[in-house]
Amino acid sequence: MSETKTALWIAHVKVTDAEAYGKYAALAGPAIAKHGGVFLSRGGRYQQLEGNDRPRNVVARFPSLEAAVACYNSAEYQAALAHAKGASERDLMVLEEG
């Protein structure tokens, strides 16, 4: 019997419109929780060592890679994401743990 691996949702964000991005955050949190996501870090201290510096970094753990992708594609999250588009520069990835 194989065990499902958890996955990390990792976002690197530069907010360019705080008001619009705040609307995204208010809607995204409940959508992420609905799909089993739990925030591990949101905007904590960090030190950029390589690559593009984005001052807001978010990590959430999901029960599986599939759950994280389903969250991203869900109507609830897409409604939230509509507020982030044009209000931020973002990189987002999902990484299976293990």
PDB file of N, CA and C in Angstrom:
ATOM      1  N   MET A   1       0.850  -1.179   0.000  1.00  0.00           N
ATOM      2  CA  MET A   1       0.000   0.000   0.000  1.00  0.00           C
ATOM      3  C   MET A   1       0.895   1.242   0.000  1.00  0.00           C
ATOM      4  N   SER A   2       0.736   2.114  -0.970  1.00  0.00           N
ATOM      5  CA  SER A   2       1.572   3.311  -1.032  1.00  0.00           C
ATOM      6  C   SER A   2       0.892   4.457  -0.282  1.00  0.00           C
ATOM      7  N   GLU A   3       1.721   5.216   0.378  1.00  0.00           N
ATOM      8  CA  GLU A   3       1.232   6.350   1.165  1.00  0.00           C
ATOM      9  C   GLU A   3       1.257   7.617   0.311  1.00  0.00           C
ATOM     10  N   THR A   4       0.174   8.395   0.356  1.00  0.00           N
ATOM     11  CA  THR A   4       0.123   9.655  -0.377  1.00  0.00           C
ATOM     12  C   THR A   4       1.061  10.656   0.289  1.00  0.00           C
ATOM     13  N   LYS A   5       1.866  11.302  -0.505  1.00  0.00           N
ATOM     14  CA  LYS A   5       2.799  12.299   0.019  1.00  0.00           C
ATOM     15  C   LYS A   5       2.117  13.656   0.083  1.00  0.00           C
ATOM     16  N   THR A   6       2.438  14.403   1.118  1.00  0.00           N
ATOM     17  CA  THR A   6       1.941  15.767   1.216  1.00  0.00           C
ATOM     18  C   THR A   6       2.687  16.646   0.212  1.00  0.00           C
ATOM     19  N   ALA A   7       2.167  17.834  -0.014  1.00  0.00           N
ATOM     20  CA  ALA A   7       2.774  18.742  -0.979  1.00  0.00           C
ATOM     21  C   ALA A   7       2.813  20.150  -0.406  1.00  0.00           C
ATOM     22  N   LEU A   8       3.807  20.896  -0.829  1.00  0.00           N
ATOM     23  CA  LEU A   8       3.963  22.291  -0.418  1.00  0.00           C
ATOM     24  C   LEU A   8       3.603  23.208  -1.574  1.00  0.00           C
ATOM     25  N   TRP A   9       2.767  24.192  -1.260  1.00  0.00           N
ATOM     26  CA  TRP A   9       2.366  25.264  -2.179  1.00  0.00           C
ATOM     27  C   TRP A   9       3.289  26.420  -1.816  1.00  0.00           C
ATOM     28  N   ILE A  10       4.122  26.854  -2.741  1.00  0.00           N
ATOM     29  CA  ILE A  10       5.138  27.869  -2.459  1.00  0.00           C
ATOM     30  C   ILE A  10       4.924  29.058  -3.397  1.00  0.00           C
ATOM     31  N   ALA A  11       4.665  30.210  -2.798  1.00  0.00           N
ATOM     32  CA  ALA A  11       4.426  31.422  -3.578  1.00  0.00           C
ATOM     33  C   ALA A  11       5.440  32.493  -3.204  1.00  0.00           C
ATOM     34  N   HIS A  12       5.947  33.165  -4.205  1.00  0.00           N
ATOM     35  CA  HIS A  12       6.850  34.311  -4.031  1.00  0.00           C
ATOM     36  C   HIS A  12       6.146  35.489  -4.690  1.00  0.00           C
ATOM     37  N   VAL A  13       5.898  36.540  -3.911  1.00  0.00           N
ATOM     38  CA  VAL A  13       5.010  37.605  -4.372  1.00  0.00           C
ATOM     39  C   VAL A  13       5.598  38.994  -4.119  1.00  0.00           C
ATOM     40  N   LYS A  14       5.415  39.873  -5.086  1.00  0.00           N
ATOM     41  CA  LYS A  14       5.654  41.304  -4.914  1.00  0.00           C
ATOM     42  C   LYS A  14       4.306  41.977  -5.131  1.00  0.00           C
ATOM     43  N   VAL A  15       3.771  42.569  -4.084  1.00  0.00           N
ATOM     44  CA  VAL A  15       2.463  43.220  -4.161  1.00  0.00           C
ATOM     45  C   VAL A  15       2.636  44.613  -4.752  1.00  0.00           C
ATOM     46  N   THR A  16       1.837  44.923  -5.777  1.00  0.00           N
ATOM     47  CA  THR A  16       1.898  46.238  -6.405  1.00  0.00           C
ATOM     48  C   THR A  16       0.642  47.067  -6.133  1.00  0.00           C
ATOM     49  N   ASP A  17      -0.425  46.433  -5.653  1.00  0.00           N
ATOM     50  CA  ASP A  17      -1.668  47.112  -5.288  1.00  0.00           C
ATOM     51  C   ASP A  17      -2.194  46.442  -4.017  1.00  0.00           C
ATOM     52  N   ALA A  18      -1.866  47.042  -2.870  1.00  0.00           N
ATOM     53  CA  ALA A  18      -2.180  46.432  -1.576  1.00  0.00           C
ATOM     54  C   ALA A  18      -3.680  46.237  -1.362  1.00  0.00           C
ATOM     55  N   GLU A  19      -4.500  47.169  -1.806  1.00  0.00           N
ATOM     56  CA  GLU A  19      -5.944  47.062  -1.597  1.00  0.00           C
ATOM     57  C   GLU A  19      -6.518  45.862  -2.354  1.00  0.00           C
ATOM     58  N   ALA A  20      -6.185  45.748  -3.626  1.00  0.00           N
ATOM     59  CA  ALA A  20      -6.683  44.624  -4.430  1.00  0.00           C
ATOM     60  C   ALA A  20      -6.117  43.303  -3.911  1.00  0.00           C
ATOM     61  N   TYR A  21      -4.849  43.311  -3.536  1.00  0.00           N
ATOM     62  CA  TYR A  21      -4.239  42.069  -3.055  1.00  0.00           C
ATOM     63  C   TYR A  21      -4.848  41.642  -1.718  1.00  0.00           C
ATOM     64  N   GLY A  22      -5.262  42.601  -0.920  1.00  0.00           N
ATOM     65  CA  GLY A  22      -5.950  42.289   0.322  1.00  0.00           C
ATOM     66  C   GLY A  22      -7.246  41.538   0.071  1.00  0.00           C
ATOM     67  N   LYS A  23      -7.951  41.895  -0.995  1.00  0.00           N
ATOM     68  CA  LYS A  23      -9.187  41.177  -1.372  1.00  0.00           C
ATOM     69  C   LYS A  23      -8.848  39.746  -1.770  1.00  0.00           C
ATOM     70  N   TYR A  24      -7.754  39.585  -2.514  1.00  0.00           N
ATOM     71  CA  TYR A  24      -7.291  38.235  -2.869  1.00  0.00           C
ATOM     72  C   TYR A  24      -7.037  37.417  -1.608  1.00  0.00           C
ATOM     73  N   ALA A  25      -6.261  37.972  -0.682  1.00  0.00           N
ATOM     74  CA  ALA A  25      -5.885  37.235   0.525  1.00  0.00           C
ATOM     75  C   ALA A  25      -7.104  36.834   1.351  1.00  0.00           C
ATOM     76  N   ALA A  26      -8.087  37.722   1.438  1.00  0.00           N
ATOM     77  CA  ALA A  26      -9.292  37.433   2.220  1.00  0.00           C
ATOM     78  C   ALA A  26     -10.066  36.259   1.633  1.00  0.00           C
ATOM     79  N   LEU A  27     -10.053  36.105   0.316  1.00  0.00           N
ATOM     80  CA  LEU A  27     -10.766  35.010  -0.334  1.00  0.00           C
ATOM     81  C   LEU A  27      -9.907  33.750  -0.484  1.00  0.00           C
ATOM     82  N   ALA A  28      -8.611  33.920  -0.664  1.00  0.00           N
ATOM     83  CA  ALA A  28      -7.727  32.779  -0.900  1.00  0.00           C
ATOM     84  C   ALA A  28      -7.588  31.895   0.331  1.00  0.00           C
ATOM     85  N   GLY A  29      -7.491  32.495   1.510  1.00  0.00           N
ATOM     86  CA  GLY A  29      -7.320  31.709   2.739  1.00  0.00           C
ATOM     87  C   GLY A  29      -8.401  30.658   2.924  1.00  0.00           C
ATOM     88  N   PRO A  30      -9.683  31.044   2.864  1.00  0.00           N
ATOM     89  CA  PRO A  30     -10.753  30.050   2.996  1.00  0.00           C
ATOM     90  C   PRO A  30     -10.741  28.999   1.871  1.00  0.00           C
ATOM     91  N   ALA A  31     -10.400  29.391   0.659  1.00  0.00           N
ATOM     92  CA  ALA A  31     -10.341  28.432  -0.451  1.00  0.00           C
ATOM     93  C   ALA A  31      -9.241  27.406  -0.204  1.00  0.00           C
ATOM     94  N   ILE A  32      -8.105  27.869   0.283  1.00  0.00           N
ATOM     95  CA  ILE A  32      -6.984  26.967   0.576  1.00  0.00           C
ATOM     96  C   ILE A  32      -7.364  26.015   1.706  1.00  0.00           C
ATOM     97  N   ALA A  33      -7.973  26.536   2.759  1.00  0.00           N
ATOM     98  CA  ALA A  33      -8.394  25.691   3.890  1.00  0.00           C
ATOM     99  C   ALA A  33      -9.417  24.651   3.451  1.00  0.00           C
ATOM    100  N   LYS A  34     -10.331  25.029   2.575  1.00  0.00           N
ATOM    101  CA  LYS A  34     -11.370  24.117   2.086  1.00  0.00           C
ATOM    102  C   LYS A  34     -10.770  22.896   1.406  1.00  0.00           C
ATOM    103  N   HIS A  35      -9.602  23.059   0.818  1.00  0.00           N
ATOM    104  CA  HIS A  35      -8.936  21.960   0.118  1.00  0.00           C
ATOM    105  C   HIS A  35      -7.858  21.285   0.972  1.00  0.00           C
ATOM    106  N   GLY A  36      -7.908  21.522   2.271  1.00  0.00           N
ATOM    107  CA  GLY A  36      -6.979  20.849   3.184  1.00  0.00           C
ATOM    108  C   GLY A  36      -5.650  21.546   3.367  1.00  0.00           C
ATOM    109  N   GLY A  37      -5.504  22.751   2.824  1.00  0.00           N
ATOM    110  CA  GLY A  37      -4.256  23.486   2.942  1.00  0.00           C
ATOM    111  C   GLY A  37      -4.111  24.138   4.311  1.00  0.00           C
ATOM    112  N   VAL A  38      -2.896  24.095   4.837  1.00  0.00           N
ATOM    113  CA  VAL A  38      -2.568  24.709   6.121  1.00  0.00           C
ATOM    114  C   VAL A  38      -1.344  25.592   5.902  1.00  0.00           C
ATOM    115  N   PHE A  39      -1.442  26.855   6.291  1.00  0.00           N
ATOM    116  CA  PHE A  39      -0.311  27.765   6.113  1.00  0.00           C
ATOM    117  C   PHE A  39       0.803  27.429   7.098  1.00  0.00           C
ATOM    118  N   LEU A  40       2.018  27.327   6.580  1.00  0.00           N
ATOM    119  CA  LEU A  40       3.206  27.120   7.406  1.00  0.00           C
ATOM    120  C   LEU A  40       3.940  28.433   7.619  1.00  0.00           C
ATOM    121  N   SER A  41       3.890  29.298   6.617  1.00  0.00           N
ATOM    122  CA  SER A  41       4.550  30.599   6.713  1.00  0.00           C
ATOM    123  C   SER A  41       3.864  31.564   5.754  1.00  0.00           C
ATOM    124  N   ARG A  42       3.597  32.776   6.240  1.00  0.00           N
ATOM    125  CA  ARG A  42       3.009  33.829   5.405  1.00  0.00           C
ATOM    126  C   ARG A  42       3.707  35.135   5.715  1.00  0.00           C
ATOM    127  N   GLY A  43       4.610  35.526   4.842  1.00  0.00           N
ATOM    128  CA  GLY A  43       5.242  36.828   4.981  1.00  0.00           C
ATOM    129  C   GLY A  43       6.223  36.957   6.126  1.00  0.00           C
ATOM    130  N   GLY A  44       6.786  35.855   6.599  1.00  0.00           N
ATOM    131  CA  GLY A  44       7.756  35.909   7.697  1.00  0.00           C
ATOM    132  C   GLY A  44       9.114  36.421   7.236  1.00  0.00           C
ATOM    133  N   ARG A  45      10.015  36.501   8.177  1.00  0.00           N
ATOM    134  CA  ARG A  45      11.388  36.938   7.863  1.00  0.00           C
ATOM    135  C   ARG A  45      12.009  35.981   6.857  1.00  0.00           C
ATOM    136  N   TYR A  46      12.832  36.528   5.990  1.00  0.00           N
ATOM    137  CA  TYR A  46      13.533  35.711   5.002  1.00  0.00           C
ATOM    138  C   TYR A  46      14.808  36.427   4.593  1.00  0.00           C
ATOM    139  N   GLN A  47      15.688  35.709   3.925  1.00  0.00           N
ATOM    140  CA  GLN A  47      16.880  36.299   3.335  1.00  0.00           C
ATOM    141  C   GLN A  47      17.016  35.736   1.932  1.00  0.00           C
ATOM    142  N   GLN A  48      16.980  36.602   0.937  1.00  0.00           N
ATOM    143  CA  GLN A  48      17.098  36.192  -0.457  1.00  0.00           C
ATOM    144  C   GLN A  48      18.555  35.878  -0.747  1.00  0.00           C
ATOM    145  N   LEU A  49      18.829  34.659  -1.192  1.00  0.00           N
ATOM    146  CA  LEU A  49      20.202  34.267  -1.484  1.00  0.00           C
ATOM    147  C   LEU A  49      20.483  34.191  -2.977  1.00  0.00           C
ATOM    148  N   GLU A  50      19.479  33.836  -3.769  1.00  0.00           N
ATOM    149  CA  GLU A  50      19.636  33.774  -5.223  1.00  0.00           C
ATOM    150  C   GLU A  50      18.300  34.104  -5.876  1.00  0.00           C
ATOM    151  N   GLY A  51      18.343  34.488  -7.133  1.00  0.00           N
ATOM    152  CA  GLY A  51      17.124  34.694  -7.900  1.00  0.00           C
ATOM    153  C   GLY A  51      16.426  36.006  -7.593  1.00  0.00           C
ATOM    154  N   ASN A  52      15.180  36.087  -8.076  1.00  0.00           N
ATOM    155  CA  ASN A  52      14.389  37.305  -7.930  1.00  0.00           C
ATOM    156  C   ASN A  52      13.891  37.481  -6.510  1.00  0.00           C
ATOM    157  N   ASP A  53      14.077  38.666  -5.976  1.00  0.00           N
ATOM    158  CA  ASP A  53      13.607  38.976  -4.625  1.00  0.00           C
ATOM    159  C   ASP A  53      12.150  39.391  -4.683  1.00  0.00           C
ATOM    160  N   ARG A  54      11.309  38.657  -4.006  1.00  0.00           N
ATOM    161  CA  ARG A  54       9.901  38.992  -3.858  1.00  0.00           C
ATOM    162  C   ARG A  54       9.639  39.042  -2.360  1.00  0.00           C
ATOM    163  N   PRO A  55       9.225  40.183  -1.835  1.00  0.00           N
ATOM    164  CA  PRO A  55       9.175  40.375  -0.384  1.00  0.00           C
ATOM    165  C   PRO A  55       8.104  39.594   0.367  1.00  0.00           C
ATOM    166  N   ARG A  56       7.126  39.007  -0.314  1.00  0.00           N
ATOM    167  CA  ARG A  56       6.108  38.207   0.378  1.00  0.00           C
ATOM    168  C   ARG A  56       6.259  36.760  -0.077  1.00  0.00           C
ATOM    169  N   ASN A  57       6.492  35.878   0.882  1.00  0.00           N
ATOM    170  CA  ASN A  57       6.694  34.465   0.588  1.00  0.00           C
ATOM    171  C   ASN A  57       5.713  33.665   1.432  1.00  0.00           C
ATOM    172  N   VAL A  58       5.031  32.722   0.791  1.00  0.00           N
ATOM    173  CA  VAL A  58       3.986  31.957   1.451  1.00  0.00           C
ATOM    174  C   VAL A  58       4.215  30.473   1.190  1.00  0.00           C
ATOM    175  N   VAL A  59       4.098  29.677   2.257  1.00  0.00           N
ATOM    176  CA  VAL A  59       4.187  28.224   2.135  1.00  0.00           C
ATOM    177  C   VAL A  59       2.974  27.624   2.836  1.00  0.00           C
ATOM    178  N   ALA A  60       2.269  26.757   2.117  1.00  0.00           N
ATOM    179  CA  ALA A  60       1.136  26.026   2.693  1.00  0.00           C
ATOM    180  C   ALA A  60       1.340  24.543   2.405  1.00  0.00           C
ATOM    181  N   ARG A  61       0.911  23.702   3.328  1.00  0.00           N
ATOM    182  CA  ARG A  61       0.988  22.252   3.132  1.00  0.00           C
ATOM    183  C   ARG A  61      -0.399  21.726   2.797  1.00  0.00           C
ATOM    184  N   PHE A  62      -0.456  20.872   1.783  1.00  0.00           N
ATOM    185  CA  PHE A  62      -1.695  20.214   1.363  1.00  0.00           C
ATOM    186  C   PHE A  62      -1.557  18.704   1.555  1.00  0.00           C
ATOM    187  N   PRO A  63      -2.675  18.005   1.653  1.00  0.00           N
ATOM    188  CA  PRO A  63      -2.616  16.557   1.836  1.00  0.00           C
ATOM    189  C   PRO A  63      -1.948  15.814   0.675  1.00  0.00           C
ATOM    190  N   SER A  64      -1.963  16.419  -0.510  1.00  0.00           N
ATOM    191  CA  SER A  64      -1.350  15.792  -1.690  1.00  0.00           C
ATOM    192  C   SER A  64      -1.120  16.862  -2.752  1.00  0.00           C
ATOM    193  N   LEU A  65      -0.311  16.513  -3.734  1.00  0.00           N
ATOM    194  CA  LEU A  65      -0.094  17.401  -4.874  1.00  0.00           C
ATOM    195  C   LEU A  65      -1.413  17.635  -5.601  1.00  0.00           C
ATOM    196  N   GLU A  66      -2.206  16.575  -5.734  1.00  0.00           N
ATOM    197  CA  GLU A  66      -3.481  16.678  -6.428  1.00  0.00           C
ATOM    198  C   GLU A  66      -4.444  17.621  -5.705  1.00  0.00           C
ATOM    199  N   ALA A  67      -4.434  17.597  -4.370  1.00  0.00           N
ATOM    200  CA  ALA A  67      -5.299  18.493  -3.593  1.00  0.00           C
ATOM    201  C   ALA A  67      -4.901  19.947  -3.804  1.00  0.00           C
ATOM    202  N   ALA A  68      -3.592  20.205  -3.871  1.00  0.00           N
ATOM    203  CA  ALA A  68      -3.112  21.569  -4.085  1.00  0.00           C
ATOM    204  C   ALA A  68      -3.498  22.075  -5.469  1.00  0.00           C
ATOM    205  N   VAL A  69      -3.346  21.225  -6.477  1.00  0.00           N
ATOM    206  CA  VAL A  69      -3.696  21.620  -7.846  1.00  0.00           C
ATOM    207  C   VAL A  69      -5.207  21.805  -7.965  1.00  0.00           C
ATOM    208  N   ALA A  70      -5.978  20.934  -7.304  1.00  0.00           N
ATOM    209  CA  ALA A  70      -7.438  21.080  -7.315  1.00  0.00           C
ATOM    210  C   ALA A  70      -7.844  22.395  -6.667  1.00  0.00           C
ATOM    211  N   CYS A  71      -7.160  22.785  -5.607  1.00  0.00           N
ATOM    212  CA  CYS A  71      -7.438  24.068  -4.962  1.00  0.00           C
ATOM    213  C   CYS A  71      -7.199  25.201  -5.945  1.00  0.00           C
ATOM    214  N   TYR A  72      -6.050  25.191  -6.601  1.00  0.00           N
ATOM    215  CA  TYR A  72      -5.715  26.254  -7.553  1.00  0.00           C
ATOM    216  C   TYR A  72      -6.771  26.368  -8.645  1.00  0.00           C
ATOM    217  N   ASN A  73      -7.251  25.236  -9.128  1.00  0.00           N
ATOM    218  CA  ASN A  73      -8.219  25.220 -10.225  1.00  0.00           C
ATOM    219  C   ASN A  73      -9.660  25.416  -9.773  1.00  0.00           C
ATOM    220  N   SER A  74      -9.905  25.459  -8.469  1.00  0.00           N
ATOM    221  CA  SER A  74     -11.272  25.577  -7.955  1.00  0.00           C
ATOM    222  C   SER A  74     -11.872  26.953  -8.260  1.00  0.00           C
ATOM    223  N   ALA A  75     -13.187  26.983  -8.342  1.00  0.00           N
ATOM    224  CA  ALA A  75     -13.890  28.246  -8.594  1.00  0.00           C
ATOM    225  C   ALA A  75     -13.591  29.261  -7.498  1.00  0.00           C
ATOM    226  N   GLU A  76     -13.505  28.795  -6.242  1.00  0.00           N
ATOM    227  CA  GLU A  76     -13.249  29.710  -5.112  1.00  0.00           C
ATOM    228  C   GLU A  76     -11.877  30.371  -5.232  1.00  0.00           C
ATOM    229  N   TYR A  77     -10.861  29.553  -5.540  1.00  0.00           N
ATOM    230  CA  TYR A  77      -9.523  30.131  -5.626  1.00  0.00           C
ATOM    231  C   TYR A  77      -9.393  31.017  -6.863  1.00  0.00           C
ATOM    232  N   GLN A  78      -9.971  30.623  -7.967  1.00  0.00           N
ATOM    233  CA  GLN A  78      -9.902  31.434  -9.183  1.00  0.00           C
ATOM    234  C   GLN A  78     -10.579  32.785  -8.981  1.00  0.00           C
ATOM    235  N   ALA A  79     -11.663  32.806  -8.196  1.00  0.00           N
ATOM    236  CA  ALA A  79     -12.321  34.082  -7.870  1.00  0.00           C
ATOM    237  C   ALA A  79     -11.381  34.962  -7.058  1.00  0.00           C
ATOM    238  N   ALA A  80     -10.653  34.368  -6.129  1.00  0.00           N
ATOM    239  CA  ALA A  80      -9.668  35.123  -5.343  1.00  0.00           C
ATOM    240  C   ALA A  80      -8.548  35.624  -6.242  1.00  0.00           C
ATOM    241  N   LEU A  81      -8.052  34.734  -7.099  1.00  0.00           N
ATOM    242  CA  LEU A  81      -6.929  35.057  -7.975  1.00  0.00           C
ATOM    243  C   LEU A  81      -7.224  36.228  -8.901  1.00  0.00           C
ATOM    244  N   ALA A  82      -8.465  36.419  -9.255  1.00  0.00           N
ATOM    245  CA  ALA A  82      -8.839  37.546 -10.113  1.00  0.00           C
ATOM    246  C   ALA A  82      -8.423  38.876  -9.484  1.00  0.00           C
ATOM    247  N   HIS A  83      -8.397  38.954  -8.149  1.00  0.00           N
ATOM    248  CA  HIS A  83      -7.982  40.182  -7.455  1.00  0.00           C
ATOM    249  C   HIS A  83      -6.460  40.340  -7.441  1.00  0.00           C
ATOM    250  N   ALA A  84      -5.725  39.222  -7.497  1.00  0.00           N
ATOM    251  CA  ALA A  84      -4.259  39.277  -7.450  1.00  0.00           C
ATOM    252  C   ALA A  84      -3.669  39.655  -8.804  1.00  0.00           C
ATOM    253  N   LYS A  85      -4.358  39.274  -9.870  1.00  0.00           N
ATOM    254  CA  LYS A  85      -3.852  39.585 -11.216  1.00  0.00           C
ATOM    255  C   LYS A  85      -3.881  41.096 -11.413  1.00  0.00           C
ATOM    256  N   GLY A  86      -2.755  41.647 -11.803  1.00  0.00           N
ATOM    257  CA  GLY A  86      -2.650  43.090 -11.964  1.00  0.00           C
ATOM    258  C   GLY A  86      -2.329  43.801 -10.664  1.00  0.00           C
ATOM    259  N   ALA A  87      -2.372  43.080  -9.549  1.00  0.00           N
ATOM    260  CA  ALA A  87      -2.071  43.671  -8.246  1.00  0.00           C
ATOM    261  C   ALA A  87      -0.796  43.089  -7.647  1.00  0.00           C
ATOM    262  N   SER A  88      -0.133  42.200  -8.410  1.00  0.00           N
ATOM    263  CA  SER A  88       1.060  41.552  -7.884  1.00  0.00           C
ATOM    264  C   SER A  88       1.861  40.911  -9.006  1.00  0.00           C
ATOM    265  N   GLU A  89       3.116  40.660  -8.692  1.00  0.00           N
ATOM    266  CA  GLU A  89       3.983  39.823  -9.522  1.00  0.00           C
ATOM    267  C   GLU A  89       4.181  38.562  -8.702  1.00  0.00           C
ATOM    268  N   ARG A  90       3.855  37.386  -9.272  1.00  0.00           N
ATOM    269  CA  ARG A  90       3.844  36.160  -8.486  1.00  0.00           C
ATOM    270  C   ARG A  90       4.517  35.009  -9.218  1.00  0.00           C
ATOM    271  N   ASP A  91       5.160  34.174  -8.438  1.00  0.00           N
ATOM    272  CA  ASP A  91       5.580  32.862  -8.877  1.00  0.00           C
ATOM    273  C   ASP A  91       4.929  31.889  -7.916  1.00  0.00           C
ATOM    274  N   LEU A  92       4.344  30.820  -8.429  1.00  0.00           N
ATOM    275  CA  LEU A  92       3.660  29.842  -7.600  1.00  0.00           C
ATOM    276  C   LEU A  92       3.996  28.451  -8.106  1.00  0.00           C
ATOM    277  N   MET A  93       4.344  27.583  -7.183  1.00  0.00           N
ATOM    278  CA  MET A  93       4.621  26.190  -7.538  1.00  0.00           C
ATOM    279  C   MET A  93       4.102  25.276  -6.448  1.00  0.00           C
ATOM    280  N   VAL A  94       3.892  24.025  -6.804  1.00  0.00           N
ATOM    281  CA  VAL A  94       3.535  22.998  -5.833  1.00  0.00           C
ATOM    282  C   VAL A  94       4.611  21.924  -5.907  1.00  0.00           C
ATOM    283  N   LEU A  95       5.101  21.516  -4.756  1.00  0.00           N
ATOM    284  CA  LEU A  95       6.207  20.566  -4.668  1.00  0.00           C
ATOM    285  C   LEU A  95       5.809  19.426  -3.741  1.00  0.00           C
ATOM    286  N   GLU A  96       5.844  18.204  -4.258  1.00  0.00           N
ATOM    287  CA  GLU A  96       5.550  17.047  -3.421  1.00  0.00           C
ATOM    288  C   GLU A  96       6.686  16.847  -2.426  1.00  0.00           C
ATOM    289  N   GLU A  97       6.328  16.609  -1.173  1.00  0.00           N
ATOM    290  CA  GLU A  97       7.345  16.381  -0.143  1.00  0.00           C
ATOM    291  C   GLU A  97       7.855  14.953  -0.250  1.00  0.00           C
ATOM    292  N   GLY A  98       9.116  14.804   0.139  1.00  0.00           N
ATOM    293  CA  GLY A  98       9.645  13.438   0.188  1.00  0.00           C
ATOM    294  C   GLY A  98      10.931  13.269  -0.495  1.00  0.00           C
TER     295      GLY A  98
END
